[in-house]
N, C-alpha and C. Protein backbone atom coordinates (compact mmCIF):
# COMPACT_ATOMS: atom_id res chain seq x y z
N MET A 1 0.84 -1.18 0.00
CA MET A 1 0.00 0.00 0.00
C MET A 1 0.89 1.25 0.00
N SER A 2 0.39 2.29 -0.57
CA SER A 2 1.20 3.49 -0.76
C SER A 2 0.86 4.56 0.26
N ASP A 3 1.50 5.72 0.10
CA ASP A 3 1.24 6.87 0.97
C ASP A 3 -0.15 7.44 0.75
N ALA A 4 -0.85 6.99 -0.28
CA ALA A 4 -2.18 7.51 -0.59
C ALA A 4 -3.27 6.80 0.23
N ILE A 5 -2.88 5.96 1.18
CA ILE A 5 -3.86 5.26 2.01
C ILE A 5 -4.51 6.24 2.98
N VAL A 6 -5.83 6.24 2.99
CA VAL A 6 -6.59 7.07 3.91
C VAL A 6 -7.41 6.12 4.79
N LYS A 7 -7.14 6.11 6.10
CA LYS A 7 -7.87 5.27 7.03
C LYS A 7 -9.28 5.82 7.22
N LYS A 8 -10.23 4.92 7.31
CA LYS A 8 -11.63 5.28 7.51
C LYS A 8 -12.19 4.43 8.65
N PRO A 9 -13.29 4.85 9.30
CA PRO A 9 -13.84 4.02 10.38
C PRO A 9 -14.36 2.68 9.88
N TRP A 10 -14.65 2.55 8.60
CA TRP A 10 -15.17 1.32 8.01
C TRP A 10 -14.10 0.50 7.28
N GLY A 11 -12.87 1.01 7.20
CA GLY A 11 -11.80 0.31 6.47
C GLY A 11 -10.75 1.31 6.00
N TRP A 12 -10.47 1.33 4.68
CA TRP A 12 -9.50 2.27 4.14
C TRP A 12 -9.74 2.48 2.65
N GLU A 13 -9.11 3.52 2.13
CA GLU A 13 -9.10 3.72 0.68
C GLU A 13 -7.69 4.11 0.25
N ASN A 14 -7.32 3.65 -0.93
CA ASN A 14 -6.03 3.96 -1.54
C ASN A 14 -6.31 4.80 -2.78
N ARG A 15 -6.00 6.07 -2.70
CA ARG A 15 -6.23 6.99 -3.82
C ARG A 15 -5.04 6.87 -4.77
N PHE A 16 -5.15 5.98 -5.73
CA PHE A 16 -4.01 5.70 -6.60
C PHE A 16 -3.93 6.64 -7.80
N ALA A 17 -4.98 7.38 -8.11
CA ALA A 17 -4.96 8.34 -9.21
C ALA A 17 -5.84 9.52 -8.85
N VAL A 18 -5.23 10.67 -8.66
CA VAL A 18 -5.97 11.90 -8.38
C VAL A 18 -5.49 12.92 -9.41
N THR A 19 -6.34 13.21 -10.39
CA THR A 19 -5.97 14.15 -11.45
C THR A 19 -7.08 15.18 -11.61
N GLU A 20 -6.87 16.13 -12.48
CA GLU A 20 -7.90 17.13 -12.75
C GLU A 20 -9.06 16.55 -13.55
N LYS A 21 -8.87 15.39 -14.18
CA LYS A 21 -9.89 14.82 -15.05
C LYS A 21 -10.57 13.57 -14.49
N TYR A 22 -9.90 12.84 -13.61
CA TYR A 22 -10.49 11.62 -13.06
C TYR A 22 -9.86 11.28 -11.72
N LEU A 23 -10.51 10.34 -11.01
CA LEU A 23 -10.09 9.88 -9.70
C LEU A 23 -10.16 8.36 -9.69
N GLY A 24 -9.14 7.71 -9.16
CA GLY A 24 -9.15 6.25 -9.03
C GLY A 24 -8.81 5.85 -7.61
N LYS A 25 -9.59 4.94 -7.05
CA LYS A 25 -9.36 4.47 -5.69
C LYS A 25 -9.52 2.95 -5.64
N VAL A 26 -8.81 2.33 -4.70
CA VAL A 26 -9.14 0.99 -4.23
C VAL A 26 -9.73 1.21 -2.85
N ILE A 27 -10.91 0.66 -2.61
CA ILE A 27 -11.59 0.84 -1.33
C ILE A 27 -11.77 -0.52 -0.67
N HIS A 28 -11.44 -0.59 0.62
CA HIS A 28 -11.62 -1.81 1.42
C HIS A 28 -12.65 -1.52 2.50
N ILE A 29 -13.68 -2.36 2.57
CA ILE A 29 -14.68 -2.26 3.63
C ILE A 29 -14.56 -3.51 4.50
N ASP A 30 -14.40 -3.31 5.79
CA ASP A 30 -14.36 -4.44 6.72
C ASP A 30 -15.73 -5.09 6.81
N ARG A 31 -15.74 -6.40 6.99
CA ARG A 31 -16.99 -7.16 7.11
C ARG A 31 -17.88 -6.53 8.18
N GLY A 32 -19.15 -6.30 7.82
CA GLY A 32 -20.12 -5.75 8.75
C GLY A 32 -20.11 -4.24 8.87
N GLU A 33 -19.16 -3.57 8.24
CA GLU A 33 -19.08 -2.11 8.30
C GLU A 33 -19.77 -1.51 7.08
N MET A 34 -20.00 -0.19 7.11
CA MET A 34 -20.70 0.45 5.99
C MET A 34 -20.25 1.89 5.84
N LEU A 35 -20.33 2.37 4.62
CA LEU A 35 -20.12 3.77 4.34
C LEU A 35 -21.41 4.51 4.67
N SER A 36 -21.35 5.82 4.67
CA SER A 36 -22.55 6.60 4.94
C SER A 36 -23.55 6.48 3.79
N LEU A 37 -24.83 6.71 4.10
CA LEU A 37 -25.84 6.88 3.06
C LEU A 37 -25.57 8.27 2.52
N GLN A 38 -25.29 8.36 1.23
CA GLN A 38 -24.79 9.60 0.66
C GLN A 38 -25.22 9.77 -0.78
N TYR A 39 -24.97 10.96 -1.30
CA TYR A 39 -25.07 11.19 -2.73
C TYR A 39 -24.04 12.25 -3.10
N HIS A 40 -23.83 12.41 -4.38
CA HIS A 40 -22.87 13.38 -4.89
C HIS A 40 -23.60 14.35 -5.80
N ARG A 41 -23.26 15.62 -5.69
CA ARG A 41 -23.88 16.63 -6.56
C ARG A 41 -23.33 16.55 -7.99
N GLN A 42 -22.02 16.29 -8.13
CA GLN A 42 -21.39 16.26 -9.45
C GLN A 42 -20.68 14.94 -9.75
N LYS A 43 -20.13 14.31 -8.75
CA LYS A 43 -19.29 13.13 -8.95
C LYS A 43 -20.07 11.99 -9.57
N ASP A 44 -19.52 11.44 -10.65
CA ASP A 44 -20.08 10.31 -11.39
C ASP A 44 -19.09 9.17 -11.20
N GLU A 45 -19.54 8.03 -10.65
CA GLU A 45 -18.60 6.97 -10.31
C GLU A 45 -19.07 5.61 -10.79
N THR A 46 -18.10 4.71 -10.98
CA THR A 46 -18.38 3.32 -11.29
C THR A 46 -17.53 2.46 -10.38
N LEU A 47 -18.14 1.40 -9.85
CA LEU A 47 -17.47 0.47 -8.94
C LEU A 47 -17.23 -0.86 -9.64
N LEU A 48 -16.11 -1.51 -9.31
CA LEU A 48 -15.83 -2.87 -9.77
C LEU A 48 -15.31 -3.66 -8.58
N VAL A 49 -16.09 -4.65 -8.13
CA VAL A 49 -15.70 -5.47 -6.98
C VAL A 49 -14.63 -6.46 -7.42
N VAL A 50 -13.55 -6.55 -6.62
CA VAL A 50 -12.46 -7.47 -6.93
C VAL A 50 -12.23 -8.51 -5.84
N LYS A 51 -12.81 -8.32 -4.66
CA LYS A 51 -12.60 -9.27 -3.56
C LYS A 51 -13.79 -9.21 -2.61
N GLY A 52 -14.27 -10.36 -2.15
CA GLY A 52 -15.35 -10.39 -1.17
C GLY A 52 -16.69 -10.04 -1.79
N ALA A 53 -17.60 -9.60 -0.93
CA ALA A 53 -18.95 -9.24 -1.39
C ALA A 53 -19.42 -8.01 -0.64
N MET A 54 -20.22 -7.20 -1.34
CA MET A 54 -20.82 -6.03 -0.71
C MET A 54 -22.29 -5.95 -1.09
N ASP A 55 -23.06 -5.34 -0.23
CA ASP A 55 -24.42 -4.94 -0.57
C ASP A 55 -24.37 -3.47 -0.91
N LEU A 56 -24.83 -3.13 -2.10
CA LEU A 56 -24.92 -1.75 -2.53
C LEU A 56 -26.37 -1.33 -2.45
N GLN A 57 -26.68 -0.42 -1.52
CA GLN A 57 -28.01 0.17 -1.47
C GLN A 57 -27.98 1.34 -2.43
N LEU A 58 -28.87 1.32 -3.43
CA LEU A 58 -28.83 2.31 -4.50
C LEU A 58 -30.23 2.77 -4.85
N GLU A 59 -30.39 4.07 -4.94
CA GLU A 59 -31.67 4.67 -5.33
C GLU A 59 -31.86 4.50 -6.83
N ASP A 60 -33.07 4.11 -7.23
CA ASP A 60 -33.35 3.98 -8.66
C ASP A 60 -33.90 5.30 -9.21
N ALA A 61 -34.22 5.32 -10.50
CA ALA A 61 -34.67 6.55 -11.17
C ALA A 61 -36.00 7.07 -10.60
N GLN A 62 -36.77 6.19 -9.94
CA GLN A 62 -38.05 6.60 -9.35
C GLN A 62 -37.91 6.99 -7.87
N GLY A 63 -36.67 7.00 -7.35
CA GLY A 63 -36.45 7.40 -5.97
C GLY A 63 -36.60 6.27 -4.96
N ARG A 64 -36.72 5.03 -5.42
CA ARG A 64 -36.83 3.88 -4.51
C ARG A 64 -35.46 3.29 -4.26
N MET A 65 -35.22 2.86 -3.02
CA MET A 65 -33.95 2.22 -2.67
C MET A 65 -34.05 0.72 -2.94
N ALA A 66 -32.99 0.17 -3.53
CA ALA A 66 -32.89 -1.27 -3.77
C ALA A 66 -31.51 -1.72 -3.30
N THR A 67 -31.39 -2.98 -2.91
CA THR A 67 -30.11 -3.52 -2.48
C THR A 67 -29.61 -4.51 -3.53
N LEU A 68 -28.40 -4.27 -4.01
CA LEU A 68 -27.77 -5.13 -5.00
C LEU A 68 -26.58 -5.83 -4.34
N ARG A 69 -26.51 -7.17 -4.43
CA ARG A 69 -25.35 -7.91 -3.92
C ARG A 69 -24.31 -7.94 -5.03
N LEU A 70 -23.15 -7.34 -4.78
CA LEU A 70 -22.07 -7.30 -5.76
C LEU A 70 -20.93 -8.21 -5.30
N THR A 71 -20.47 -9.06 -6.20
CA THR A 71 -19.38 -9.99 -5.93
C THR A 71 -18.29 -9.77 -6.98
N PRO A 72 -17.13 -10.39 -6.83
CA PRO A 72 -16.02 -10.12 -7.74
C PRO A 72 -16.42 -10.21 -9.22
N GLY A 73 -15.99 -9.19 -9.97
CA GLY A 73 -16.29 -9.10 -11.39
C GLY A 73 -17.52 -8.28 -11.71
N MET A 74 -18.33 -7.96 -10.71
CA MET A 74 -19.54 -7.18 -10.95
C MET A 74 -19.24 -5.70 -10.80
N SER A 75 -19.91 -4.88 -11.63
CA SER A 75 -19.70 -3.44 -11.57
C SER A 75 -21.05 -2.73 -11.55
N GLN A 76 -21.02 -1.48 -11.13
CA GLN A 76 -22.23 -0.67 -11.06
C GLN A 76 -21.87 0.80 -11.16
N ARG A 77 -22.57 1.52 -12.02
CA ARG A 77 -22.39 2.96 -12.12
C ARG A 77 -23.34 3.66 -11.15
N ILE A 78 -22.86 4.75 -10.54
CA ILE A 78 -23.67 5.58 -9.65
C ILE A 78 -23.60 7.00 -10.20
N VAL A 79 -24.73 7.47 -10.71
CA VAL A 79 -24.76 8.80 -11.32
C VAL A 79 -24.99 9.87 -10.25
N PRO A 80 -24.59 11.11 -10.54
CA PRO A 80 -24.79 12.19 -9.57
C PRO A 80 -26.26 12.29 -9.13
N GLY A 81 -26.44 12.56 -7.84
CA GLY A 81 -27.78 12.73 -7.28
C GLY A 81 -28.42 11.47 -6.74
N ARG A 82 -27.89 10.28 -7.06
CA ARG A 82 -28.47 9.02 -6.58
C ARG A 82 -27.94 8.67 -5.20
N LYS A 83 -28.84 8.47 -4.26
CA LYS A 83 -28.46 8.04 -2.92
C LYS A 83 -27.87 6.63 -2.99
N HIS A 84 -26.84 6.39 -2.18
CA HIS A 84 -26.23 5.06 -2.16
C HIS A 84 -25.45 4.84 -0.87
N ARG A 85 -25.22 3.56 -0.57
CA ARG A 85 -24.43 3.14 0.59
C ARG A 85 -23.84 1.78 0.27
N MET A 86 -22.57 1.57 0.62
CA MET A 86 -21.92 0.28 0.47
C MET A 86 -21.78 -0.38 1.83
N ILE A 87 -22.07 -1.68 1.90
CA ILE A 87 -22.00 -2.45 3.15
C ILE A 87 -21.14 -3.68 2.90
N GLY A 88 -20.16 -3.92 3.76
CA GLY A 88 -19.30 -5.09 3.62
C GLY A 88 -20.00 -6.34 4.12
N VAL A 89 -20.40 -7.21 3.20
CA VAL A 89 -20.95 -8.52 3.56
C VAL A 89 -19.81 -9.39 4.07
N ASP A 90 -18.71 -9.35 3.35
CA ASP A 90 -17.43 -9.94 3.75
C ASP A 90 -16.44 -8.78 3.76
N ASP A 91 -15.20 -9.03 4.20
CA ASP A 91 -14.16 -8.06 3.90
C ASP A 91 -14.18 -7.94 2.39
N CYS A 92 -14.30 -6.75 1.87
CA CYS A 92 -14.38 -6.62 0.41
C CYS A 92 -13.51 -5.46 -0.07
N GLU A 93 -13.11 -5.58 -1.33
CA GLU A 93 -12.35 -4.52 -1.97
C GLU A 93 -12.93 -4.29 -3.35
N PHE A 94 -12.93 -3.01 -3.73
CA PHE A 94 -13.42 -2.66 -5.06
C PHE A 94 -12.66 -1.45 -5.59
N PHE A 95 -12.62 -1.37 -6.90
CA PHE A 95 -12.08 -0.19 -7.55
C PHE A 95 -13.22 0.80 -7.72
N GLU A 96 -12.92 2.07 -7.51
CA GLU A 96 -13.86 3.14 -7.82
C GLU A 96 -13.16 4.07 -8.80
N VAL A 97 -13.76 4.25 -9.96
CA VAL A 97 -13.26 5.25 -10.91
C VAL A 97 -14.35 6.30 -11.04
N SER A 98 -13.94 7.56 -11.06
CA SER A 98 -14.95 8.62 -11.04
C SER A 98 -14.41 9.90 -11.66
N SER A 99 -15.34 10.82 -11.81
CA SER A 99 -14.96 12.18 -12.12
C SER A 99 -14.18 12.73 -10.91
N PRO A 100 -13.48 13.86 -11.04
CA PRO A 100 -12.47 14.23 -10.05
C PRO A 100 -12.95 14.90 -8.76
N GLU A 101 -14.24 15.03 -8.52
CA GLU A 101 -14.72 15.79 -7.35
C GLU A 101 -14.58 14.97 -6.06
N ILE A 102 -13.37 14.91 -5.52
CA ILE A 102 -13.05 14.03 -4.40
C ILE A 102 -13.82 14.36 -3.12
N ASP A 103 -14.16 15.63 -2.89
CA ASP A 103 -14.86 16.03 -1.66
C ASP A 103 -16.35 16.26 -1.85
N ASP A 104 -16.90 15.82 -2.97
CA ASP A 104 -18.32 16.00 -3.26
C ASP A 104 -19.12 14.87 -2.62
N VAL A 105 -19.37 14.98 -1.30
CA VAL A 105 -20.12 13.97 -0.56
C VAL A 105 -21.16 14.67 0.30
N VAL A 106 -22.43 14.31 0.12
CA VAL A 106 -23.50 14.80 0.98
C VAL A 106 -23.98 13.60 1.78
N ARG A 107 -23.68 13.61 3.09
CA ARG A 107 -24.06 12.48 3.95
C ARG A 107 -25.46 12.69 4.49
N LEU A 108 -26.28 11.65 4.38
CA LEU A 108 -27.65 11.68 4.90
C LEU A 108 -27.76 10.92 6.21
N GLU A 109 -27.01 9.80 6.34
CA GLU A 109 -26.94 9.01 7.57
C GLU A 109 -25.52 8.48 7.67
N ASP A 110 -25.04 8.32 8.91
CA ASP A 110 -23.69 7.79 9.10
C ASP A 110 -23.59 7.16 10.47
N LYS A 111 -23.24 5.89 10.53
CA LYS A 111 -23.18 5.20 11.81
C LYS A 111 -22.00 5.64 12.67
N TYR A 112 -21.08 6.42 12.09
CA TYR A 112 -19.91 6.88 12.82
C TYR A 112 -20.03 8.36 13.22
N GLY A 113 -21.23 8.96 13.05
CA GLY A 113 -21.48 10.32 13.50
C GLY A 113 -20.89 11.40 12.61
N ARG A 114 -20.72 11.12 11.31
CA ARG A 114 -20.09 12.09 10.42
C ARG A 114 -21.09 12.82 9.52
N GLN A 115 -22.37 12.86 9.87
CA GLN A 115 -23.35 13.56 9.03
C GLN A 115 -22.94 15.00 8.78
N GLY A 116 -23.25 15.46 7.59
CA GLY A 116 -23.06 16.87 7.27
C GLY A 116 -21.66 17.25 6.84
N THR A 117 -20.69 16.33 6.94
CA THR A 117 -19.35 16.66 6.51
C THR A 117 -19.20 16.36 5.04
N ASN A 118 -18.11 16.81 4.45
CA ASN A 118 -17.98 16.64 3.01
C ASN A 118 -16.82 15.75 2.61
N THR A 119 -16.23 15.01 3.55
CA THR A 119 -15.16 14.09 3.16
C THR A 119 -15.62 12.66 3.42
N ALA A 120 -15.36 11.83 2.42
CA ALA A 120 -15.80 10.42 2.50
C ALA A 120 -15.04 9.71 3.57
């Protein structure tokens, strides 16, 4: 792991590409942990699971939340404005590639008490 590792209460992320045009991360979620329920105003992202399994809670075009079980090799795009949350079913790792807005996070719920902040 490199100096780009950022520790999180749910695991860690490795920001391996931070440019003016795109952002690339490897994200690790510990089993049973979860990211905040959030959305992005501008950030457009796609996930690719490479290890373990996660439940992705994702808002559909009609505003309904659905849970998708993602396992290695599965990917999912999350467009700006869609509420979402990732939950580690197992210890899991995934690649996230996105537009470059690294601090564009609007938290709606957070089990670690981080509501209202703008850093993932």
